[in-house]
Amino acid sequence: MHELTNVIANNIKTLLPGPCHLSLPQVMQTTSERLEVAHAERVSELVFDCQNQPLHVSLWKR
């Protein structure tokens, strides 16, 4: 799962306008409703089906 997270993060970074910085991607076992990032707002979220399990990808802005 960590390698998939890195691939997704690198693909997202190529789509963002410069200059911008991404933190290291994080893997968490939680639901998107419960996920909070301190001092940040969620700006985008996608949900995928990964081996019959939901995979939530969230982009947050500080």
PDB file of N, CA and C in Angstrom:
ATOM      1  N   MET A   1       0.822  -1.191   0.000  1.00  0.00           N
ATOM      2  CA  MET A   1       0.000   0.000   0.000  1.00  0.00           C
ATOM      3  C   MET A   1       0.869   1.259   0.000  1.00  0.00           C
ATOM      4  N   HIS A   2       2.028   1.209   0.640  1.00  0.00           N
ATOM      5  CA  HIS A   2       2.885   2.388   0.698  1.00  0.00           C
ATOM      6  C   HIS A   2       3.409   2.775  -0.684  1.00  0.00           C
ATOM      7  N   GLU A   3       3.775   1.796  -1.485  1.00  0.00           N
ATOM      8  CA  GLU A   3       4.269   2.107  -2.831  1.00  0.00           C
ATOM      9  C   GLU A   3       3.163   2.722  -3.684  1.00  0.00           C
ATOM     10  N   LEU A   4       1.955   2.203  -3.567  1.00  0.00           N
ATOM     11  CA  LEU A   4       0.822   2.773  -4.292  1.00  0.00           C
ATOM     12  C   LEU A   4       0.595   4.219  -3.858  1.00  0.00           C
ATOM     13  N   THR A   5       0.738   4.489  -2.583  1.00  0.00           N
ATOM     14  CA  THR A   5       0.582   5.842  -2.056  1.00  0.00           C
ATOM     15  C   THR A   5       1.614   6.789  -2.663  1.00  0.00           C
ATOM     16  N   ASN A   6       2.860   6.347  -2.770  1.00  0.00           N
ATOM     17  CA  ASN A   6       3.908   7.175  -3.369  1.00  0.00           C
ATOM     18  C   ASN A   6       3.635   7.445  -4.847  1.00  0.00           C
ATOM     19  N   VAL A   7       3.170   6.452  -5.575  1.00  0.00           N
ATOM     20  CA  VAL A   7       2.857   6.623  -6.995  1.00  0.00           C
ATOM     21  C   VAL A   7       1.737   7.643  -7.169  1.00  0.00           C
ATOM     22  N   ILE A   8       0.683   7.522  -6.372  1.00  0.00           N
ATOM     23  CA  ILE A   8      -0.440   8.455  -6.455  1.00  0.00           C
ATOM     24  C   ILE A   8       0.020   9.877  -6.121  1.00  0.00           C
ATOM     25  N   ALA A   9       0.817  10.026  -5.069  1.00  0.00           N
ATOM     26  CA  ALA A   9       1.300  11.357  -4.664  1.00  0.00           C
ATOM     27  C   ALA A   9       2.149  11.990  -5.761  1.00  0.00           C
ATOM     28  N   ASN A  10       3.016  11.223  -6.391  1.00  0.00           N
ATOM     29  CA  ASN A  10       3.841  11.765  -7.469  1.00  0.00           C
ATOM     30  C   ASN A  10       2.988  12.194  -8.649  1.00  0.00           C
ATOM     31  N   ASN A  11       1.951  11.433  -8.966  1.00  0.00           N
ATOM     32  CA  ASN A  11       1.062  11.807 -10.058  1.00  0.00           C
ATOM     33  C   ASN A  11       0.282  13.074  -9.738  1.00  0.00           C
ATOM     34  N   ILE A  12      -0.150  13.220  -8.497  1.00  0.00           N
ATOM     35  CA  ILE A  12      -0.873  14.431  -8.086  1.00  0.00           C
ATOM     36  C   ILE A  12       0.044  15.650  -8.166  1.00  0.00           C
ATOM     37  N   LYS A  13       1.285  15.490  -7.722  1.00  0.00           N
ATOM     38  CA  LYS A  13       2.219  16.621  -7.703  1.00  0.00           C
ATOM     39  C   LYS A  13       2.444  17.175  -9.110  1.00  0.00           C
ATOM     40  N   THR A  14       2.470  16.327 -10.124  1.00  0.00           N
ATOM     41  CA  THR A  14       2.681  16.811 -11.491  1.00  0.00           C
ATOM     42  C   THR A  14       1.503  17.648 -11.986  1.00  0.00           C
ATOM     43  N   LEU A  15       0.336  17.508 -11.368  1.00  0.00           N
ATOM     44  CA  LEU A  15      -0.851  18.254 -11.792  1.00  0.00           C
ATOM     45  C   LEU A  15      -1.009  19.597 -11.084  1.00  0.00           C
ATOM     46  N   LEU A  16      -0.275  19.801 -10.005  1.00  0.00           N
ATOM     47  CA  LEU A  16      -0.428  21.027  -9.214  1.00  0.00           C
ATOM     48  C   LEU A  16       0.401  22.166  -9.801  1.00  0.00           C
ATOM     49  N   PRO A  17      -0.118  23.401  -9.695  1.00  0.00           N
ATOM     50  CA  PRO A  17       0.658  24.544 -10.193  1.00  0.00           C
ATOM     51  C   PRO A  17       1.861  24.798  -9.296  1.00  0.00           C
ATOM     52  N   GLY A  18       2.911  25.277  -9.864  1.00  0.00           N
ATOM     53  CA  GLY A  18       4.103  25.583  -9.078  1.00  0.00           C
ATOM     54  C   GLY A  18       4.051  27.012  -8.585  1.00  0.00           C
ATOM     55  N   PRO A  19       4.791  27.408  -7.608  1.00  0.00           N
ATOM     56  CA  PRO A  19       5.530  26.478  -6.763  1.00  0.00           C
ATOM     57  C   PRO A  19       4.617  25.897  -5.685  1.00  0.00           C
ATOM     58  N   CYS A  20       4.773  24.632  -5.425  1.00  0.00           N
ATOM     59  CA  CYS A  20       4.031  23.990  -4.338  1.00  0.00           C
ATOM     60  C   CYS A  20       4.891  22.876  -3.766  1.00  0.00           C
ATOM     61  N   HIS A  21       4.565  22.473  -2.578  1.00  0.00           N
ATOM     62  CA  HIS A  21       5.315  21.419  -1.896  1.00  0.00           C
ATOM     63  C   HIS A  21       4.318  20.417  -1.341  1.00  0.00           C
ATOM     64  N   LEU A  22       4.654  19.149  -1.443  1.00  0.00           N
ATOM     65  CA  LEU A  22       3.844  18.098  -0.838  1.00  0.00           C
ATOM     66  C   LEU A  22       4.610  17.493   0.315  1.00  0.00           C
ATOM     67  N   SER A  23       3.897  17.207   1.383  1.00  0.00           N
ATOM     68  CA  SER A  23       4.519  16.464   2.473  1.00  0.00           C
ATOM     69  C   SER A  23       4.630  15.013   2.045  1.00  0.00           C
ATOM     70  N   LEU A  24       5.303  14.226   2.824  1.00  0.00           N
ATOM     71  CA  LEU A  24       5.359  12.800   2.536  1.00  0.00           C
ATOM     72  C   LEU A  24       3.955  12.219   2.625  1.00  0.00           C
ATOM     73  N   PRO A  25       3.591  11.350   1.712  1.00  0.00           N
ATOM     74  CA  PRO A  25       2.261  10.748   1.790  1.00  0.00           C
ATOM     75  C   PRO A  25       2.144   9.872   3.026  1.00  0.00           C
ATOM     76  N   GLN A  26       0.932   9.754   3.530  1.00  0.00           N
ATOM     77  CA  GLN A  26       0.694   8.955   4.728  1.00  0.00           C
ATOM     78  C   GLN A  26      -0.375   7.908   4.455  1.00  0.00           C
ATOM     79  N   VAL A  27      -0.188   6.752   5.040  1.00  0.00           N
ATOM     80  CA  VAL A  27      -1.171   5.675   4.956  1.00  0.00           C
ATOM     81  C   VAL A  27      -1.820   5.547   6.323  1.00  0.00           C
ATOM     82  N   MET A  28      -3.149   5.637   6.358  1.00  0.00           N
ATOM     83  CA  MET A  28      -3.882   5.540   7.618  1.00  0.00           C
ATOM     84  C   MET A  28      -5.055   4.598   7.443  1.00  0.00           C
ATOM     85  N   GLN A  29      -5.369   3.864   8.462  1.00  0.00           N
ATOM     86  CA  GLN A  29      -6.562   3.034   8.444  1.00  0.00           C
ATOM     87  C   GLN A  29      -7.641   3.760   9.229  1.00  0.00           C
ATOM     88  N   THR A  30      -8.488   4.474   8.492  1.00  0.00           N
ATOM     89  CA  THR A  30      -9.574   5.233   9.093  1.00  0.00           C
ATOM     90  C   THR A  30     -10.628   5.455   8.017  1.00  0.00           C
ATOM     91  N   THR A  31     -11.732   6.037   8.395  1.00  0.00           N
ATOM     92  CA  THR A  31     -12.741   6.412   7.397  1.00  0.00           C
ATOM     93  C   THR A  31     -12.536   7.880   7.049  1.00  0.00           C
ATOM     94  N   SER A  32     -12.937   8.288   5.874  1.00  0.00           N
ATOM     95  CA  SER A  32     -12.720   9.679   5.473  1.00  0.00           C
ATOM     96  C   SER A  32     -13.521  10.635   6.350  1.00  0.00           C
ATOM     97  N   GLU A  33     -14.640  10.179   6.920  1.00  0.00           N
ATOM     98  CA  GLU A  33     -15.433  11.044   7.785  1.00  0.00           C
ATOM     99  C   GLU A  33     -14.694  11.361   9.089  1.00  0.00           C
ATOM    100  N   ARG A  34     -13.821  10.473   9.514  1.00  0.00           N
ATOM    101  CA  ARG A  34     -13.120  10.660  10.783  1.00  0.00           C
ATOM    102  C   ARG A  34     -11.746  11.292  10.615  1.00  0.00           C
ATOM    103  N   LEU A  35     -11.271  11.394   9.381  1.00  0.00           N
ATOM    104  CA  LEU A  35      -9.926  11.902   9.145  1.00  0.00           C
ATOM    105  C   LEU A  35      -9.872  13.416   9.299  1.00  0.00           C
ATOM    106  N   GLU A  36      -8.941  13.879  10.102  1.00  0.00           N
ATOM    107  CA  GLU A  36      -8.691  15.303  10.272  1.00  0.00           C
ATOM    108  C   GLU A  36      -7.187  15.525  10.247  1.00  0.00           C
ATOM    109  N   VAL A  37      -6.776  16.629   9.648  1.00  0.00           N
ATOM    110  CA  VAL A  37      -5.374  17.009   9.613  1.00  0.00           C
ATOM    111  C   VAL A  37      -5.269  18.363  10.298  1.00  0.00           C
ATOM    112  N   ALA A  38      -4.407  18.458  11.291  1.00  0.00           N
ATOM    113  CA  ALA A  38      -4.287  19.683  12.080  1.00  0.00           C
ATOM    114  C   ALA A  38      -3.907  20.866  11.198  1.00  0.00           C
ATOM    115  N   HIS A  39      -4.610  21.970  11.374  1.00  0.00           N
ATOM    116  CA  HIS A  39      -4.334  23.230  10.683  1.00  0.00           C
ATOM    117  C   HIS A  39      -4.393  23.090   9.166  1.00  0.00           C
ATOM    118  N   ALA A  40      -5.273  22.238   8.655  1.00  0.00           N
ATOM    119  CA  ALA A  40      -5.387  22.040   7.206  1.00  0.00           C
ATOM    120  C   ALA A  40      -6.850  21.856   6.826  1.00  0.00           C
ATOM    121  N   GLU A  41      -7.135  22.145   5.553  1.00  0.00           N
ATOM    122  CA  GLU A  41      -8.482  21.924   5.042  1.00  0.00           C
ATOM    123  C   GLU A  41      -8.406  20.943   3.867  1.00  0.00           C
ATOM    124  N   ARG A  42      -9.371  20.053   3.809  1.00  0.00           N
ATOM    125  CA  ARG A  42      -9.424  19.094   2.700  1.00  0.00           C
ATOM    126  C   ARG A  42      -9.907  19.831   1.461  1.00  0.00           C
ATOM    127  N   VAL A  43      -9.148  19.731   0.372  1.00  0.00           N
ATOM    128  CA  VAL A  43      -9.531  20.417  -0.861  1.00  0.00           C
ATOM    129  C   VAL A  43     -10.014  19.447  -1.935  1.00  0.00           C
ATOM    130  N   SER A  44      -9.707  18.175  -1.779  1.00  0.00           N
ATOM    131  CA  SER A  44     -10.157  17.200  -2.769  1.00  0.00           C
ATOM    132  C   SER A  44     -10.098  15.800  -2.171  1.00  0.00           C
ATOM    133  N   GLU A  45     -10.980  14.946  -2.668  1.00  0.00           N
ATOM    134  CA  GLU A  45     -10.958  13.549  -2.219  1.00  0.00           C
ATOM    135  C   GLU A  45     -11.500  12.665  -3.341  1.00  0.00           C
ATOM    136  N   LEU A  46     -10.845  11.557  -3.553  1.00  0.00           N
ATOM    137  CA  LEU A  46     -11.292  10.541  -4.501  1.00  0.00           C
ATOM    138  C   LEU A  46     -11.365   9.213  -3.769  1.00  0.00           C
ATOM    139  N   VAL A  47     -12.289   8.365  -4.184  1.00  0.00           N
ATOM    140  CA  VAL A  47     -12.416   7.035  -3.590  1.00  0.00           C
ATOM    141  C   VAL A  47     -12.308   6.013  -4.717  1.00  0.00           C
ATOM    142  N   PHE A  48     -11.421   5.049  -4.522  1.00  0.00           N
ATOM    143  CA  PHE A  48     -11.205   3.996  -5.500  1.00  0.00           C
ATOM    144  C   PHE A  48     -11.555   2.645  -4.886  1.00  0.00           C
ATOM    145  N   ASP A  49     -11.767   1.674  -5.731  1.00  0.00           N
ATOM    146  CA  ASP A  49     -11.926   0.290  -5.294  1.00  0.00           C
ATOM    147  C   ASP A  49     -10.585  -0.403  -5.486  1.00  0.00           C
ATOM    148  N   CYS A  50      -9.979  -0.847  -4.407  1.00  0.00           N
ATOM    149  CA  CYS A  50      -8.665  -1.497  -4.458  1.00  0.00           C
ATOM    150  C   CYS A  50      -8.795  -2.872  -3.813  1.00  0.00           C
ATOM    151  N   GLN A  51      -8.824  -3.888  -4.636  1.00  0.00           N
ATOM    152  CA  GLN A  51      -8.981  -5.271  -4.163  1.00  0.00           C
ATOM    153  C   GLN A  51     -10.221  -5.411  -3.285  1.00  0.00           C
ATOM    154  N   ASN A  52     -11.324  -4.861  -3.786  1.00  0.00           N
ATOM    155  CA  ASN A  52     -12.626  -4.910  -3.113  1.00  0.00           C
ATOM    156  C   ASN A  52     -12.664  -4.169  -1.778  1.00  0.00           C
ATOM    157  N   GLN A  53     -11.744  -3.230  -1.589  1.00  0.00           N
ATOM    158  CA  GLN A  53     -11.721  -2.386  -0.395  1.00  0.00           C
ATOM    159  C   GLN A  53     -11.678  -0.934  -0.849  1.00  0.00           C
ATOM    160  N   PRO A  54     -12.327  -0.018  -0.115  1.00  0.00           N
ATOM    161  CA  PRO A  54     -12.261   1.386  -0.507  1.00  0.00           C
ATOM    162  C   PRO A  54     -10.871   1.966  -0.232  1.00  0.00           C
ATOM    163  N   LEU A  55     -10.391   2.744  -1.182  1.00  0.00           N
ATOM    164  CA  LEU A  55      -9.124   3.459  -1.032  1.00  0.00           C
ATOM    165  C   LEU A  55      -9.434   4.947  -1.190  1.00  0.00           C
ATOM    166  N   HIS A  56      -9.310   5.703  -0.106  1.00  0.00           N
ATOM    167  CA  HIS A  56      -9.602   7.140  -0.113  1.00  0.00           C
ATOM    168  C   HIS A  56      -8.303   7.898  -0.309  1.00  0.00           C
ATOM    169  N   VAL A  57      -8.287   8.804  -1.265  1.00  0.00           N
ATOM    170  CA  VAL A  57      -7.149   9.672  -1.510  1.00  0.00           C
ATOM    171  C   VAL A  57      -7.627  11.089  -1.248  1.00  0.00           C
ATOM    172  N   SER A  58      -7.030  11.736  -0.260  1.00  0.00           N
ATOM    173  CA  SER A  58      -7.417  13.098   0.113  1.00  0.00           C
ATOM    174  C   SER A  58      -6.245  14.041  -0.088  1.00  0.00           C
ATOM    175  N   LEU A  59      -6.540  15.241  -0.563  1.00  0.00           N
ATOM    176  CA  LEU A  59      -5.543  16.285  -0.725  1.00  0.00           C
ATOM    177  C   LEU A  59      -5.909  17.418   0.226  1.00  0.00           C
ATOM    178  N   TRP A  60      -4.956  17.809   1.065  1.00  0.00           N
ATOM    179  CA  TRP A  60      -5.201  18.815   2.090  1.00  0.00           C
ATOM    180  C   TRP A  60      -4.305  20.018   1.849  1.00  0.00           C
ATOM    181  N   LYS A  61      -4.779  21.199   2.245  1.00  0.00           N
ATOM    182  CA  LYS A  61      -4.033  22.439   2.068  1.00  0.00           C
ATOM    183  C   LYS A  61      -3.801  23.095   3.415  1.00  0.00           C
ATOM    184  N   ARG A  62      -2.562  23.550   3.608  1.00  0.00           N
ATOM    185  CA  ARG A  62      -2.233  24.309   4.822  1.00  0.00           C
ATOM    186  C   ARG A  62      -1.945  25.729   4.475  1.00  0.00           C
TER     187      ARG A  62
END
